[in-house]
Amino acid sequence: MKPVENLSLEILSLLRKGETFLALGLLGAVGVLWRREMRKLLELVERGRTCEAAVLAGLMVKSPWFYKDQPERPAGGWRELDPLVELFSRQGDAVGAEAAIHLKRRASWPEARWLELLHRRLGKEVSWEDLSFAVRWLREHRLMLERLGIGFVVPGPEMPKEGRHDEGEVEATTGGGA
């Protein structure tokens, strides 16, 4: 499993336990930060340093020193969420389908990417109840997420001409202190 998928499962777990702001700290990085940074966040989580990972995620998303992916929401909404809309409709879950449609049109990229990743793990680590919880939670908290700046990213350096790579990137480290 990719680091971003593991981190997505951790976000779901945190939300389920009511640790909202730790989850949101990590959520802002989903689909935005590159693989190397996601691995660093996951390493911290795996060592039981979830709070530090959430803070680091927020700092990296707001730092101009890290490469980031931040597509703009298309006029028709996130096509990545079309399978969710179809799934909720097939299940006969009108409330879930409405929530998925709303998120398709209004969610930030990290939110849309997180739902897409959870949908990929449906039937494996993610149950129908988990996916339904995630969609409804995001829909119910949409205004708060927007006001907290989830999905607001400070652009990073220009993309390298030869494509994405890790050479020359700034590496995030933890520990140390004054």
C-alpha atoms as a PDB file:
ATOM      1  CA  MET A   1       0.000   0.000   0.000  1.00  0.00           C
ATOM      2  CA  LYS A   2       1.236   3.519  -0.783  1.00  0.00           C
ATOM      3  CA  PRO A   3       2.097   5.881   2.078  1.00  0.00           C
ATOM      4  CA  VAL A   4      -0.801   8.179   1.146  1.00  0.00           C
ATOM      5  CA  GLU A   5      -3.228   5.251   1.384  1.00  0.00           C
ATOM      6  CA  ASN A   6      -1.910   4.314   4.824  1.00  0.00           C
ATOM      7  CA  LEU A   7      -2.157   7.912   5.943  1.00  0.00           C
ATOM      8  CA  SER A   8      -5.728   8.051   4.637  1.00  0.00           C
ATOM      9  CA  LEU A   9      -6.634   5.088   6.813  1.00  0.00           C
ATOM     10  CA  GLU A  10      -5.024   6.807   9.806  1.00  0.00           C
ATOM     11  CA  ILE A  11      -7.123   9.936   9.156  1.00  0.00           C
ATOM     12  CA  LEU A  12     -10.270   7.814   9.107  1.00  0.00           C
ATOM     13  CA  SER A  13      -9.260   6.156  12.367  1.00  0.00           C
ATOM     14  CA  LEU A  14      -8.583   9.518  14.023  1.00  0.00           C
ATOM     15  CA  LEU A  15     -11.958  10.909  12.933  1.00  0.00           C
ATOM     16  CA  ARG A  16     -13.703   7.782  14.197  1.00  0.00           C
ATOM     17  CA  LYS A  17     -12.011   8.262  17.603  1.00  0.00           C
ATOM     18  CA  GLY A  18     -13.045  11.935  17.707  1.00  0.00           C
ATOM     19  CA  GLU A  19      -9.509  13.268  17.283  1.00  0.00           C
ATOM     20  CA  THR A  20     -10.740  15.786  14.752  1.00  0.00           C
ATOM     21  CA  PHE A  21      -7.912  18.287  14.614  1.00  0.00           C
ATOM     22  CA  LEU A  22      -5.169  15.679  14.373  1.00  0.00           C
ATOM     23  CA  ALA A  23      -7.106  14.169  11.474  1.00  0.00           C
ATOM     24  CA  LEU A  24      -7.554  17.542   9.796  1.00  0.00           C
ATOM     25  CA  GLY A  25      -3.867  18.365  10.179  1.00  0.00           C
ATOM     26  CA  LEU A  26      -3.040  15.242   8.208  1.00  0.00           C
ATOM     27  CA  LEU A  27      -5.951  15.586   5.780  1.00  0.00           C
ATOM     28  CA  GLY A  28      -4.608  18.853   4.376  1.00  0.00           C
ATOM     29  CA  ALA A  29      -1.561  16.993   3.042  1.00  0.00           C
ATOM     30  CA  VAL A  30      -3.441  14.213   1.208  1.00  0.00           C
ATOM     31  CA  GLY A  31      -3.005  14.477  -2.538  1.00  0.00           C
ATOM     32  CA  VAL A  32      -0.871  17.595  -2.106  1.00  0.00           C
ATOM     33  CA  LEU A  33       2.505  16.550  -0.731  1.00  0.00           C
ATOM     34  CA  TRP A  34       4.749  14.237  -2.692  1.00  0.00           C
ATOM     35  CA  ARG A  35       5.586  10.648  -1.822  1.00  0.00           C
ATOM     36  CA  ARG A  36       8.746  11.410   0.148  1.00  0.00           C
ATOM     37  CA  GLU A  37       6.977  13.834   2.465  1.00  0.00           C
ATOM     38  CA  MET A  38       4.043  11.454   2.885  1.00  0.00           C
ATOM     39  CA  ARG A  39       6.472   8.702   3.930  1.00  0.00           C
ATOM     40  CA  LYS A  40       7.923  11.048   6.565  1.00  0.00           C
ATOM     41  CA  LEU A  41       4.455  11.785   7.972  1.00  0.00           C
ATOM     42  CA  LEU A  42       3.579   8.099   8.034  1.00  0.00           C
ATOM     43  CA  GLU A  43       6.848   7.268   9.821  1.00  0.00           C
ATOM     44  CA  LEU A  44       5.922   9.722  12.567  1.00  0.00           C
ATOM     45  CA  VAL A  45       2.421   8.251  12.885  1.00  0.00           C
ATOM     46  CA  GLU A  46       3.818   4.718  13.053  1.00  0.00           C
ATOM     47  CA  ARG A  47       6.141   5.802  15.883  1.00  0.00           C
ATOM     48  CA  GLY A  48       3.156   7.144  17.842  1.00  0.00           C
ATOM     49  CA  ARG A  49       3.963  10.780  17.075  1.00  0.00           C
ATOM     50  CA  THR A  50       0.664  11.603  15.354  1.00  0.00           C
ATOM     51  CA  CYS A  51       0.475  15.109  16.786  1.00  0.00           C
ATOM     52  CA  GLU A  52       3.920  15.921  15.434  1.00  0.00           C
ATOM     53  CA  ALA A  53       2.939  14.460  12.037  1.00  0.00           C
ATOM     54  CA  ALA A  54      -0.210  16.616  11.908  1.00  0.00           C
ATOM     55  CA  VAL A  55       1.736  19.775  12.735  1.00  0.00           C
ATOM     56  CA  LEU A  56       4.468  18.940  10.220  1.00  0.00           C
ATOM     57  CA  ALA A  57       1.845  18.258   7.535  1.00  0.00           C
ATOM     58  CA  GLY A  58       0.284  21.679   8.127  1.00  0.00           C
ATOM     59  CA  LEU A  59       3.650  23.392   8.018  1.00  0.00           C
ATOM     60  CA  MET A  60       4.751  21.662   4.806  1.00  0.00           C
ATOM     61  CA  VAL A  61       1.474  22.471   3.051  1.00  0.00           C
ATOM     62  CA  LYS A  62       1.930  26.146   3.933  1.00  0.00           C
ATOM     63  CA  SER A  63       5.672  26.248   3.128  1.00  0.00           C
ATOM     64  CA  PRO A  64       6.852  27.453  -0.292  1.00  0.00           C
ATOM     65  CA  TRP A  65       9.830  25.030  -0.128  1.00  0.00           C
ATOM     66  CA  PHE A  66       8.064  21.763  -0.947  1.00  0.00           C
ATOM     67  CA  TYR A  67       6.818  20.550  -4.322  1.00  0.00           C
ATOM     68  CA  LYS A  68       3.055  20.085  -4.253  1.00  0.00           C
ATOM     69  CA  ASP A  69       0.214  18.924  -6.442  1.00  0.00           C
ATOM     70  CA  GLN A  70      -2.761  21.221  -6.173  1.00  0.00           C
ATOM     71  CA  PRO A  71      -5.165  20.902  -9.082  1.00  0.00           C
ATOM     72  CA  GLU A  72      -7.973  23.434  -9.260  1.00  0.00           C
ATOM     73  CA  ARG A  73     -11.517  22.160  -8.887  1.00  0.00           C
ATOM     74  CA  PRO A  74     -12.934  21.636 -12.387  1.00  0.00           C
ATOM     75  CA  ALA A  75     -16.129  23.508 -13.296  1.00  0.00           C
ATOM     76  CA  GLY A  76     -18.064  20.227 -13.249  1.00  0.00           C
ATOM     77  CA  GLY A  77     -16.569  19.138  -9.930  1.00  0.00           C
ATOM     78  CA  TRP A  78     -14.106  16.407  -9.056  1.00  0.00           C
ATOM     79  CA  ARG A  79     -14.626  13.504 -11.485  1.00  0.00           C
ATOM     80  CA  GLU A  80     -12.692  11.387  -8.966  1.00  0.00           C
ATOM     81  CA  LEU A  81     -15.870  11.403  -6.848  1.00  0.00           C
ATOM     82  CA  ASP A  82     -18.192  10.156  -9.628  1.00  0.00           C
ATOM     83  CA  PRO A  83     -17.774   6.518  -8.497  1.00  0.00           C
ATOM     84  CA  LEU A  84     -18.868   7.513  -4.982  1.00  0.00           C
ATOM     85  CA  VAL A  85     -21.999   9.245  -6.265  1.00  0.00           C
ATOM     86  CA  GLU A  86     -22.818   6.123  -8.307  1.00  0.00           C
ATOM     87  CA  LEU A  87     -22.108   3.791  -5.379  1.00  0.00           C
ATOM     88  CA  PHE A  88     -24.351   5.669  -2.949  1.00  0.00           C
ATOM     89  CA  SER A  89     -27.087   5.827  -5.595  1.00  0.00           C
ATOM     90  CA  ARG A  90     -26.836   2.060  -6.272  1.00  0.00           C
ATOM     91  CA  GLN A  91     -27.034   1.407  -2.521  1.00  0.00           C
ATOM     92  CA  GLY A  92     -30.245   3.434  -2.391  1.00  0.00           C
ATOM     93  CA  ASP A  93     -28.650   5.880   0.047  1.00  0.00           C
ATOM     94  CA  ALA A  94     -30.160   9.195  -1.061  1.00  0.00           C
ATOM     95  CA  VAL A  95     -28.579  11.172   1.798  1.00  0.00           C
ATOM     96  CA  GLY A  96     -25.132   9.732   1.037  1.00  0.00           C
ATOM     97  CA  ALA A  97     -25.577  10.349  -2.702  1.00  0.00           C
ATOM     98  CA  GLU A  98     -26.562  13.987  -2.037  1.00  0.00           C
ATOM     99  CA  ALA A  99     -23.550  14.406   0.245  1.00  0.00           C
ATOM    100  CA  ALA A 100     -21.229  12.912  -2.398  1.00  0.00           C
ATOM    101  CA  ILE A 101     -22.690  15.220  -5.072  1.00  0.00           C
ATOM    102  CA  HIS A 102     -22.202  18.221  -2.784  1.00  0.00           C
ATOM    103  CA  LEU A 103     -18.590  17.227  -2.102  1.00  0.00           C
ATOM    104  CA  LYS A 104     -17.959  16.628  -5.809  1.00  0.00           C
ATOM    105  CA  ARG A 105     -18.848  20.292  -6.399  1.00  0.00           C
ATOM    106  CA  ARG A 106     -17.488  21.916  -3.206  1.00  0.00           C
ATOM    107  CA  ALA A 107     -14.714  19.827  -1.629  1.00  0.00           C
ATOM    108  CA  SER A 108     -11.068  20.849  -1.735  1.00  0.00           C
ATOM    109  CA  TRP A 109      -8.563  18.621  -3.520  1.00  0.00           C
ATOM    110  CA  PRO A 110      -7.283  16.968  -0.296  1.00  0.00           C
ATOM    111  CA  GLU A 111     -10.853  16.061   0.699  1.00  0.00           C
ATOM    112  CA  ALA A 112     -11.699  14.666  -2.747  1.00  0.00           C
ATOM    113  CA  ARG A 113      -8.434  12.716  -2.920  1.00  0.00           C
ATOM    114  CA  TRP A 114      -8.983  11.302   0.583  1.00  0.00           C
ATOM    115  CA  LEU A 115     -12.436  10.008  -0.361  1.00  0.00           C
ATOM    116  CA  GLU A 116     -11.060   8.565  -3.596  1.00  0.00           C
ATOM    117  CA  LEU A 117      -8.340   6.708  -1.636  1.00  0.00           C
ATOM    118  CA  LEU A 118     -10.860   5.362   0.885  1.00  0.00           C
ATOM    119  CA  HIS A 119     -13.081   4.185  -1.968  1.00  0.00           C
ATOM    120  CA  ARG A 120     -10.107   2.279  -3.439  1.00  0.00           C
ATOM    121  CA  ARG A 121      -9.704   0.385  -0.142  1.00  0.00           C
ATOM    122  CA  LEU A 122     -13.451  -0.398   0.133  1.00  0.00           C
ATOM    123  CA  GLY A 123     -13.916  -4.082   0.954  1.00  0.00           C
ATOM    124  CA  LYS A 124     -10.340  -4.324   2.220  1.00  0.00           C
ATOM    125  CA  GLU A 125      -9.412  -2.059   5.140  1.00  0.00           C
ATOM    126  CA  VAL A 126     -12.425   0.227   4.584  1.00  0.00           C
ATOM    127  CA  SER A 127     -15.999  -0.924   5.203  1.00  0.00           C
ATOM    128  CA  TRP A 128     -19.187   0.516   3.721  1.00  0.00           C
ATOM    129  CA  GLU A 129     -19.881   2.074   7.143  1.00  0.00           C
ATOM    130  CA  ASP A 130     -16.428   3.721   7.126  1.00  0.00           C
ATOM    131  CA  LEU A 131     -16.937   5.193   3.674  1.00  0.00           C
ATOM    132  CA  SER A 132     -20.443   6.366   4.524  1.00  0.00           C
ATOM    133  CA  PHE A 133     -19.129   7.934   7.750  1.00  0.00           C
ATOM    134  CA  ALA A 134     -16.338   9.761   5.858  1.00  0.00           C
ATOM    135  CA  VAL A 135     -18.661  11.203   3.202  1.00  0.00           C
ATOM    136  CA  ARG A 136     -21.247  12.334   5.727  1.00  0.00           C
ATOM    137  CA  TRP A 137     -18.594  13.749   8.076  1.00  0.00           C
ATOM    138  CA  LEU A 138     -17.006  15.845   5.327  1.00  0.00           C
ATOM    139  CA  ARG A 139     -20.425  17.068   4.153  1.00  0.00           C
ATOM    140  CA  GLU A 140     -21.504  18.039   7.671  1.00  0.00           C
ATOM    141  CA  HIS A 141     -18.214  19.831   8.400  1.00  0.00           C
ATOM    142  CA  ARG A 142     -17.674  21.411   4.974  1.00  0.00           C
ATOM    143  CA  LEU A 143     -17.922  25.021   6.209  1.00  0.00           C
ATOM    144  CA  MET A 144     -15.509  24.407   9.096  1.00  0.00           C
ATOM    145  CA  LEU A 145     -12.996  22.763   6.738  1.00  0.00           C
ATOM    146  CA  GLU A 146     -13.167  25.731   4.394  1.00  0.00           C
ATOM    147  CA  ARG A 147     -12.719  28.235   7.226  1.00  0.00           C
ATOM    148  CA  LEU A 148      -9.753  26.282   8.619  1.00  0.00           C
ATOM    149  CA  GLY A 149      -8.083  26.413   5.215  1.00  0.00           C
ATOM    150  CA  ILE A 150      -8.101  22.691   4.460  1.00  0.00           C
ATOM    151  CA  GLY A 151      -7.135  22.648   0.812  1.00  0.00           C
ATOM    152  CA  PHE A 152      -5.492  26.088   0.901  1.00  0.00           C
ATOM    153  CA  VAL A 153      -1.920  25.448  -0.177  1.00  0.00           C
ATOM    154  CA  VAL A 154       1.007  27.830  -0.539  1.00  0.00           C
ATOM    155  CA  PRO A 155       2.510  26.978  -3.938  1.00  0.00           C
ATOM    156  CA  GLY A 156       5.886  25.286  -3.905  1.00  0.00           C
ATOM    157  CA  PRO A 157       8.831  25.791  -6.240  1.00  0.00           C
ATOM    158  CA  GLU A 158       8.344  25.410  -9.985  1.00  0.00           C
ATOM    159  CA  MET A 159       8.223  21.849 -11.234  1.00  0.00           C
ATOM    160  CA  PRO A 160      11.559  20.525 -12.527  1.00  0.00           C
ATOM    161  CA  LYS A 161      11.642  20.515 -16.326  1.00  0.00           C
ATOM    162  CA  GLU A 162      12.591  16.826 -16.487  1.00  0.00           C
ATOM    163  CA  GLY A 163       9.630  15.815 -14.321  1.00  0.00           C
ATOM    164  CA  ARG A 164       9.010  15.001 -10.694  1.00  0.00           C
ATOM    165  CA  HIS A 165      11.965  13.717  -8.736  1.00  0.00           C
ATOM    166  CA  ASP A 166      13.319  13.872  -5.219  1.00  0.00           C
ATOM    167  CA  GLU A 167      16.804  15.242  -5.908  1.00  0.00           C
ATOM    168  CA  GLY A 168      17.380  18.706  -4.574  1.00  0.00           C
ATOM    169  CA  GLU A 169      14.200  18.798  -2.522  1.00  0.00           C
ATOM    170  CA  VAL A 170      14.241  20.116   0.990  1.00  0.00           C
ATOM    171  CA  GLU A 171      13.876  17.235   3.426  1.00  0.00           C
ATOM    172  CA  ALA A 172      11.688  17.673   6.470  1.00  0.00           C
ATOM    173  CA  THR A 173      13.277  16.461   9.661  1.00  0.00           C
ATOM    174  CA  THR A 174      11.965  16.302  13.168  1.00  0.00           C
ATOM    175  CA  GLY A 175      13.490  16.535  16.591  1.00  0.00           C
ATOM    176  CA  GLY A 176      16.341  18.798  17.529  1.00  0.00           C
ATOM    177  CA  GLY A 177      15.184  22.005  19.093  1.00  0.00           C
ATOM    178  CA  ALA A 178      16.939  25.009  20.518  1.00  0.00           C
END
